[in-house]
């Protein structure tokens, strides 16, 4: 046998590559069987969570929308009368009421003050934690988590004691200043002062989450970029503005949006601080809706106010999603 014959006999047959494109897969069908099966797995895994959300949030939301278009009072609640359709009367009544718009403005100012204070204090504390030693950072984090985990009712009771007119620690401390008389001062005699105290309570409970989240984000800021900025002549503010802030922007947008949603939905702090009966100058949208529904027994109007609040919060969520999409496009 010649060398040519031997070589030829040992060469394996050439394997044809599988067809690609629309002709792959079963005859007459695109070869996407594996892709289709894989795309359904995430939805299958999300199904239990979506089902729970549908049951927990879906039904109450549908019920809220239904009640907002009905005349529903105590007689309808107990089944003595049938609920009647009111059309848009509930919305016309609240949108034409100057008290409602006053409450909306007060809620927006309240939420804005709480969010700004929360984000500023949270950022300052997070930045300071990067400059301290390990054991100090650990101690501060323990205190933050402890304050964050404190029940709202307990925190509200503590603040009521701190700002009490007769036995409040804050009045006693301020009274020690020369020329200042704060003994017996009632912080809740006027709406602005009382709401300022409640804002401090909300900020005190919200700052730990912001600090912990921003501290985690600050660990992702490259030290090389900060050092390069300092070599280029940037000061502390310049490094923060042009290096740290852009990197933390997605986290800041997320925290700000969540803070707006939480602070516009504040209820127990106001309700408990005013002993279950918030005065007119302490009313925000949540307590105003509660009073209309469960104090006046006008559930239709209360539901309409709650639905308007939901629409306002959806606007905040829409702005958040738009900002996150812009950030994603830049990246």
Protein backbone atom coordinates (compact mmCIF):
# COMPACT_ATOMS: atom_id res chain seq x y z
CA UNK A 1 0.00 0.00 0.00
CA UNK A 2 1.38 3.35 -0.97
CA UNK A 3 1.82 6.30 1.36
CA UNK A 4 -0.89 8.14 -0.48
CA UNK A 5 -3.34 5.32 0.05
CA UNK A 6 -2.54 5.10 3.77
CA UNK A 7 -3.07 8.83 4.34
CA UNK A 8 -6.31 8.83 2.48
CA UNK A 9 -7.70 5.92 4.45
CA UNK A 10 -7.03 7.54 7.81
CA UNK A 11 -8.60 10.92 7.09
CA UNK A 12 -12.06 11.06 8.73
CA UNK A 13 -15.00 12.22 6.65
CA UNK A 14 -15.75 15.92 6.77
CA UNK A 15 -18.62 16.66 9.20
CA UNK A 16 -21.21 19.01 7.85
CA UNK A 17 -21.99 22.01 10.08
CA UNK A 18 -25.60 22.24 11.24
CA UNK A 19 -27.75 24.58 9.20
CA UNK A 20 -28.24 28.02 10.67
CA UNK A 21 -30.80 30.74 10.22
CA UNK A 22 -34.51 30.27 9.55
CA UNK A 23 -33.99 26.71 8.23
CA UNK A 24 -32.71 25.41 11.61
CA UNK A 25 -34.90 23.48 14.00
CA UNK A 26 -38.00 21.62 12.93
CA UNK A 27 -38.99 21.70 9.27
CA UNK A 28 -40.80 24.88 8.33
CA UNK A 29 -40.20 26.52 11.73
CA UNK A 30 -37.40 28.79 13.00
CA UNK A 31 -34.82 27.19 15.25
CA UNK A 32 -35.82 29.11 18.43
CA UNK A 33 -37.13 26.27 20.54
CA UNK A 34 -34.42 26.64 23.18
CA UNK A 35 -34.71 30.42 23.26
CA UNK A 36 -38.48 30.31 23.71
CA UNK A 37 -38.21 27.82 26.53
CA UNK A 38 -35.52 29.87 28.25
CA UNK A 39 -37.46 33.11 28.02
CA UNK A 40 -40.36 31.62 29.97
CA UNK A 41 -38.24 30.55 32.95
CA UNK A 42 -37.97 34.05 34.52
CA UNK A 43 -41.74 34.52 34.33
CA UNK A 44 -42.25 31.11 35.89
CA UNK A 45 -39.96 32.03 38.79
CA UNK A 46 -41.65 35.41 39.20
CA UNK A 47 -45.17 33.94 39.10
CA UNK A 48 -45.52 33.30 42.89
CA UNK A 49 -44.33 36.83 43.71
CA UNK A 50 -46.61 38.38 41.09
CA UNK A 51 -49.54 36.34 42.41
CA UNK A 52 -48.94 37.54 45.97
CA UNK A 53 -48.65 41.15 44.80
CA UNK A 54 -51.85 40.78 42.81
CA UNK A 55 -53.73 39.49 45.83
CA UNK A 56 -52.24 41.89 48.38
CA UNK A 57 -52.18 45.06 46.28
CA UNK A 58 -54.46 44.38 43.35
CA UNK A 59 -57.75 43.86 45.17
CA UNK A 60 -57.36 46.83 47.57
CA UNK A 61 -56.46 49.10 44.64
CA UNK A 62 -59.47 47.94 42.62
CA UNK A 63 -61.68 48.41 45.69
CA UNK A 64 -60.24 51.88 46.22
CA UNK A 65 -61.01 52.90 42.64
CA UNK A 66 -64.55 51.48 42.94
CA UNK A 67 -65.30 53.33 46.18
CA UNK A 68 -63.99 56.62 44.82
CA UNK A 69 -66.80 56.59 42.22
CA UNK A 70 -69.57 55.72 44.70
CA UNK A 71 -71.64 57.33 47.41
CA UNK A 72 -70.53 55.06 50.22
CA UNK A 73 -71.23 55.91 53.83
CA UNK A 74 -71.97 54.13 57.08
CA UNK A 75 -75.35 52.87 55.87
CA UNK A 76 -73.70 51.19 52.89
CA UNK A 77 -70.93 49.84 55.11
CA UNK A 78 -73.40 47.99 57.32
CA UNK A 79 -75.50 46.83 54.38
CA UNK A 80 -78.61 48.89 55.14
CA UNK A 81 -78.47 50.56 51.74
CA UNK A 82 -76.98 49.75 48.38
CA UNK A 83 -74.01 51.76 47.20
CA UNK A 84 -74.93 54.16 44.40
CA UNK A 85 -72.73 55.43 41.64
CA UNK A 86 -71.57 59.02 42.13
CA UNK A 87 -69.67 59.43 38.89
CA UNK A 88 -67.02 62.09 39.28
CA UNK A 89 -68.86 63.91 42.08
CA UNK A 90 -66.35 62.88 44.75
CA UNK A 91 -63.44 64.16 42.66
CA UNK A 92 -65.30 67.36 41.77
CA UNK A 93 -65.98 67.95 45.47
CA UNK A 94 -62.39 67.54 46.62
CA UNK A 95 -60.79 69.30 43.66
CA UNK A 96 -63.06 72.29 44.19
CA UNK A 97 -62.32 72.45 47.92
CA UNK A 98 -59.65 74.96 48.98
CA UNK A 99 -58.96 72.90 52.11
CA UNK A 100 -57.91 69.96 49.95
CA UNK A 101 -55.39 72.06 48.01
CA UNK A 102 -54.07 73.47 51.28
CA UNK A 103 -53.50 69.92 52.49
CA UNK A 104 -51.79 69.01 49.19
CA UNK A 105 -49.45 71.99 49.48
CA UNK A 106 -48.71 71.18 53.12
CA UNK A 107 -47.97 67.55 52.20
CA UNK A 108 -45.59 68.56 49.40
CA UNK A 109 -43.72 71.01 51.66
CA UNK A 110 -43.61 68.44 54.47
CA UNK A 111 -42.25 65.71 52.17
CA UNK A 112 -39.75 68.05 50.49
CA UNK A 113 -38.35 69.21 53.84
CA UNK A 114 -38.06 65.65 55.11
CA UNK A 115 -36.43 64.35 51.91
CA UNK A 116 -33.91 67.20 51.66
CA UNK A 117 -32.89 66.90 55.31
CA UNK A 118 -32.69 63.11 55.05
CA UNK A 119 -30.49 63.14 51.94
CA UNK A 120 -28.20 65.94 53.15
CA UNK A 121 -27.67 64.49 56.62
CA UNK A 122 -27.35 60.98 55.22
CA UNK A 123 -24.67 62.06 52.74
CA UNK A 124 -22.73 64.02 55.36
CA UNK A 125 -22.74 61.14 57.83
CA UNK A 126 -21.78 58.64 55.12
CA UNK A 127 -18.86 60.83 54.05
CA UNK A 128 -17.72 61.27 57.64
CA UNK A 129 -17.81 57.52 58.20
CA UNK A 130 -15.20 57.14 55.47
CA UNK A 131 -12.76 59.25 57.52
CA UNK A 132 -13.03 57.58 60.92
CA UNK A 133 -11.39 54.46 62.28
CA UNK A 134 -12.89 51.01 62.00
CA UNK A 135 -14.23 50.71 65.53
CA UNK A 136 -15.91 54.13 65.38
CA UNK A 137 -17.55 53.19 62.07
CA UNK A 138 -18.74 49.91 63.61
CA UNK A 139 -20.18 51.70 66.64
CA UNK A 140 -22.00 54.27 64.50
CA UNK A 141 -23.41 51.54 62.26
CA UNK A 142 -24.73 49.66 65.30
CA UNK A 143 -26.44 52.83 66.55
CA UNK A 144 -27.90 53.49 63.09
CA UNK A 145 -29.28 49.99 62.75
CA UNK A 146 -30.72 50.14 66.29
CA UNK A 147 -32.49 53.44 65.59
CA UNK A 148 -33.66 52.17 62.21
CA UNK A 149 -35.13 49.03 63.77
CA UNK A 150 -36.99 50.92 66.50
CA UNK A 151 -40.79 50.71 66.04
CA UNK A 152 -42.40 53.92 64.82
CA UNK A 153 -44.77 54.08 67.79
CA UNK A 154 -41.87 53.87 70.25
CA UNK A 155 -39.88 56.52 68.40
CA UNK A 156 -42.93 58.81 68.31
CA UNK A 157 -43.47 58.39 72.05
CA UNK A 158 -39.81 59.32 72.68
CA UNK A 159 -40.13 62.45 70.56
CA UNK A 160 -43.33 63.41 72.36
CA UNK A 161 -41.41 63.23 75.62
CA UNK A 162 -38.43 65.17 74.24
CA UNK A 163 -40.66 68.02 73.04
CA UNK A 164 -43.18 67.96 75.89
CA UNK A 165 -44.14 71.42 77.13
CA UNK A 166 -43.87 70.56 80.83
CA UNK A 167 -41.33 67.75 81.05
CA UNK A 168 -39.50 67.96 77.72
CA UNK A 169 -35.73 67.58 77.78
CA UNK A 170 -35.28 69.91 74.81
CA UNK A 171 -37.04 72.82 76.53
CA UNK A 172 -34.91 72.25 79.62
CA UNK A 173 -31.67 72.27 77.60
CA UNK A 174 -32.56 75.36 75.54
CA UNK A 175 -33.65 77.18 78.71
CA UNK A 176 -30.07 76.87 79.98
CA UNK A 177 -28.92 79.30 77.27
CA UNK A 178 -28.48 82.89 78.48
CA UNK A 179 -31.52 85.07 77.90
CA UNK A 180 -33.72 82.23 76.66
CA UNK A 181 -36.94 81.20 78.42
CA UNK A 182 -38.31 77.92 77.07
CA UNK A 183 -39.96 76.48 80.17
CA UNK A 184 -43.53 75.55 79.28
CA UNK A 185 -43.09 76.24 75.57
CA UNK A 186 -45.61 74.23 73.53
CA UNK A 187 -44.08 73.11 70.25
CA UNK A 188 -47.47 72.02 68.95
CA UNK A 189 -49.29 75.27 69.57
CA UNK A 190 -48.80 76.16 65.90
CA UNK A 191 -48.84 73.99 62.81
CA UNK A 192 -45.41 74.95 61.39
CA UNK A 193 -43.56 74.24 64.66
CA UNK A 194 -45.41 70.99 65.25
CA UNK A 195 -44.87 69.77 61.69
CA UNK A 196 -41.17 70.69 62.02
CA UNK A 197 -40.96 68.35 65.02
CA UNK A 198 -42.68 65.60 63.03
CA UNK A 199 -40.27 66.20 60.13
CA UNK A 200 -37.36 65.66 62.54
CA UNK A 201 -39.00 62.43 63.69
CA UNK A 202 -39.37 61.22 60.08
CA UNK A 203 -35.78 62.21 59.26
CA UNK A 204 -34.46 60.48 62.37
CA UNK A 205 -36.07 57.24 61.24
CA UNK A 206 -35.03 57.55 57.59
CA UNK A 207 -31.40 58.65 57.89
CA UNK A 208 -29.98 55.21 58.91
CA UNK A 209 -31.13 53.54 55.68
CA UNK A 210 -29.71 56.38 53.58
CA UNK A 211 -26.39 56.35 55.45
CA UNK A 212 -25.93 52.58 55.14
CA UNK A 213 -26.82 52.61 51.43
CA UNK A 214 -24.59 55.57 50.59
CA UNK A 215 -21.74 54.10 52.62
CA UNK A 216 -21.94 50.96 50.51
CA UNK A 217 -21.94 53.11 47.38
CA UNK A 218 -18.92 55.10 48.51
CA UNK A 219 -16.87 51.93 48.73
CA UNK A 220 -17.30 51.59 44.95
CA UNK A 221 -15.78 54.99 44.16
CA UNK A 222 -12.29 54.33 42.67
CA UNK A 223 -9.57 55.86 44.80
CA UNK A 224 -7.49 56.38 41.67
CA UNK A 225 -10.04 58.84 40.27
CA UNK A 226 -10.12 60.80 43.52
CA UNK A 227 -6.33 60.95 43.63
CA UNK A 228 -6.16 62.05 39.99
CA UNK A 229 -8.66 64.82 40.69
CA UNK A 230 -6.58 66.04 43.62
CA UNK A 231 -3.44 66.04 41.47
CA UNK A 232 -5.31 68.18 38.95
CA UNK A 233 -5.91 70.75 41.68
CA UNK A 234 -9.44 69.85 42.77
CA UNK A 235 -10.29 70.43 46.40
CA UNK A 236 -12.58 68.37 48.60
CA UNK A 237 -15.69 69.92 47.06
CA UNK A 238 -14.35 69.44 43.53
CA UNK A 239 -13.59 65.76 44.13
CA UNK A 240 -17.07 65.24 45.57
CA UNK A 241 -18.81 67.14 42.77
CA UNK A 242 -16.97 65.76 39.75
CA UNK A 243 -15.97 62.27 40.92
CA UNK A 244 -18.04 61.00 43.85
CA UNK A 245 -21.42 62.52 42.96
CA UNK A 246 -21.61 61.21 39.35
CA UNK A 247 -20.75 57.67 40.49
CA UNK A 248 -23.36 57.82 43.28
CA UNK A 249 -26.04 59.37 41.06
CA UNK A 250 -28.04 56.14 40.47
CA UNK A 251 -28.10 55.43 44.22
CA UNK A 252 -29.03 59.04 45.04
CA UNK A 253 -31.89 58.99 42.52
CA UNK A 254 -33.18 55.72 43.96
CA UNK A 255 -32.96 56.92 47.58
CA UNK A 256 -34.57 60.26 46.77
CA UNK A 257 -37.48 58.60 45.00
CA UNK A 258 -38.05 56.12 47.80
CA UNK A 259 -37.84 58.93 50.37
CA UNK A 260 -40.45 60.98 48.49
CA UNK A 261 -42.81 58.00 48.34
CA UNK A 262 -42.31 57.16 52.02
CA UNK A 263 -42.55 60.74 53.28
CA UNK A 264 -45.67 61.55 51.28
CA UNK A 265 -47.21 58.42 52.77
CA UNK A 266 -46.37 59.29 56.39
CA UNK A 267 -49.30 58.49 58.67
CA UNK A 268 -48.47 57.00 62.12
CA UNK A 269 -46.04 59.78 63.06
CA UNK A 270 -48.69 62.49 62.61
CA UNK A 271 -51.55 60.39 63.94
CA UNK A 272 -49.80 59.27 67.14
CA UNK A 273 -48.07 62.61 67.75
CA UNK A 274 -51.48 64.33 67.77
CA UNK A 275 -53.08 61.62 69.94
CA UNK A 276 -55.24 60.24 67.14
CA UNK A 277 -56.93 63.57 66.33
CA UNK A 278 -54.72 65.70 64.07
CA UNK A 279 -55.87 69.31 63.98
CA UNK A 280 -56.62 71.03 60.67
CA UNK A 281 -53.17 72.63 60.52
CA UNK A 282 -51.51 69.23 60.98
CA UNK A 283 -53.44 67.43 58.26
CA UNK A 284 -51.53 65.87 55.37
CA UNK A 285 -53.01 63.75 52.57
CA UNK A 286 -52.88 60.46 54.45
CA UNK A 287 -54.49 61.74 57.64
CA UNK A 288 -56.93 63.89 55.67
CA UNK A 289 -58.11 60.84 53.71
CA UNK A 290 -58.37 58.83 56.93
CA UNK A 291 -60.49 61.50 58.62
CA UNK A 292 -62.85 61.81 55.67
CA UNK A 293 -63.31 58.04 55.51
CA UNK A 294 -63.33 56.89 59.15
CA UNK A 295 -64.22 60.02 61.14
CA UNK A 296 -66.80 61.63 58.87
CA UNK A 297 -67.79 58.18 57.48
CA UNK A 298 -67.60 59.44 53.89
CA UNK A 299 -65.72 56.53 52.39
CA UNK A 300 -66.26 57.68 48.82
CA UNK A 301 -64.57 61.03 49.39
CA UNK A 302 -61.81 59.44 51.45
CA UNK A 303 -61.14 56.94 48.67
CA UNK A 304 -61.05 59.74 46.09
CA UNK A 305 -58.42 61.58 48.15
CA UNK A 306 -56.39 58.38 48.51
CA UNK A 307 -56.63 57.75 44.76
CA UNK A 308 -55.36 61.27 44.00
CA UNK A 309 -52.45 60.56 46.35
CA UNK A 310 -51.69 57.34 44.47
CA UNK A 311 -51.70 59.26 41.17
CA UNK A 312 -49.27 61.81 42.59
CA UNK A 313 -46.95 59.03 43.74
CA UNK A 314 -47.18 57.37 40.32
CA UNK A 315 -45.94 60.66 38.88
CA UNK A 316 -42.92 60.46 41.18
CA UNK A 317 -42.30 56.86 40.07
CA UNK A 318 -42.53 57.92 36.41
CA UNK A 319 -39.88 60.60 36.98
CA UNK A 320 -37.69 58.01 38.73
CA UNK A 321 -38.00 55.54 35.85
CA UNK A 322 -37.17 58.26 33.34
CA UNK A 323 -34.04 59.25 35.25
CA UNK A 324 -32.90 55.64 35.59
CA UNK A 325 -33.39 55.08 31.84
CA UNK A 326 -31.30 58.17 31.12
CA UNK A 327 -28.56 56.89 33.42
CA UNK A 328 -28.68 53.52 31.65
CA UNK A 329 -28.34 55.17 28.25
CA UNK A 330 -25.30 57.15 29.41
CA UNK A 331 -23.64 54.05 30.81
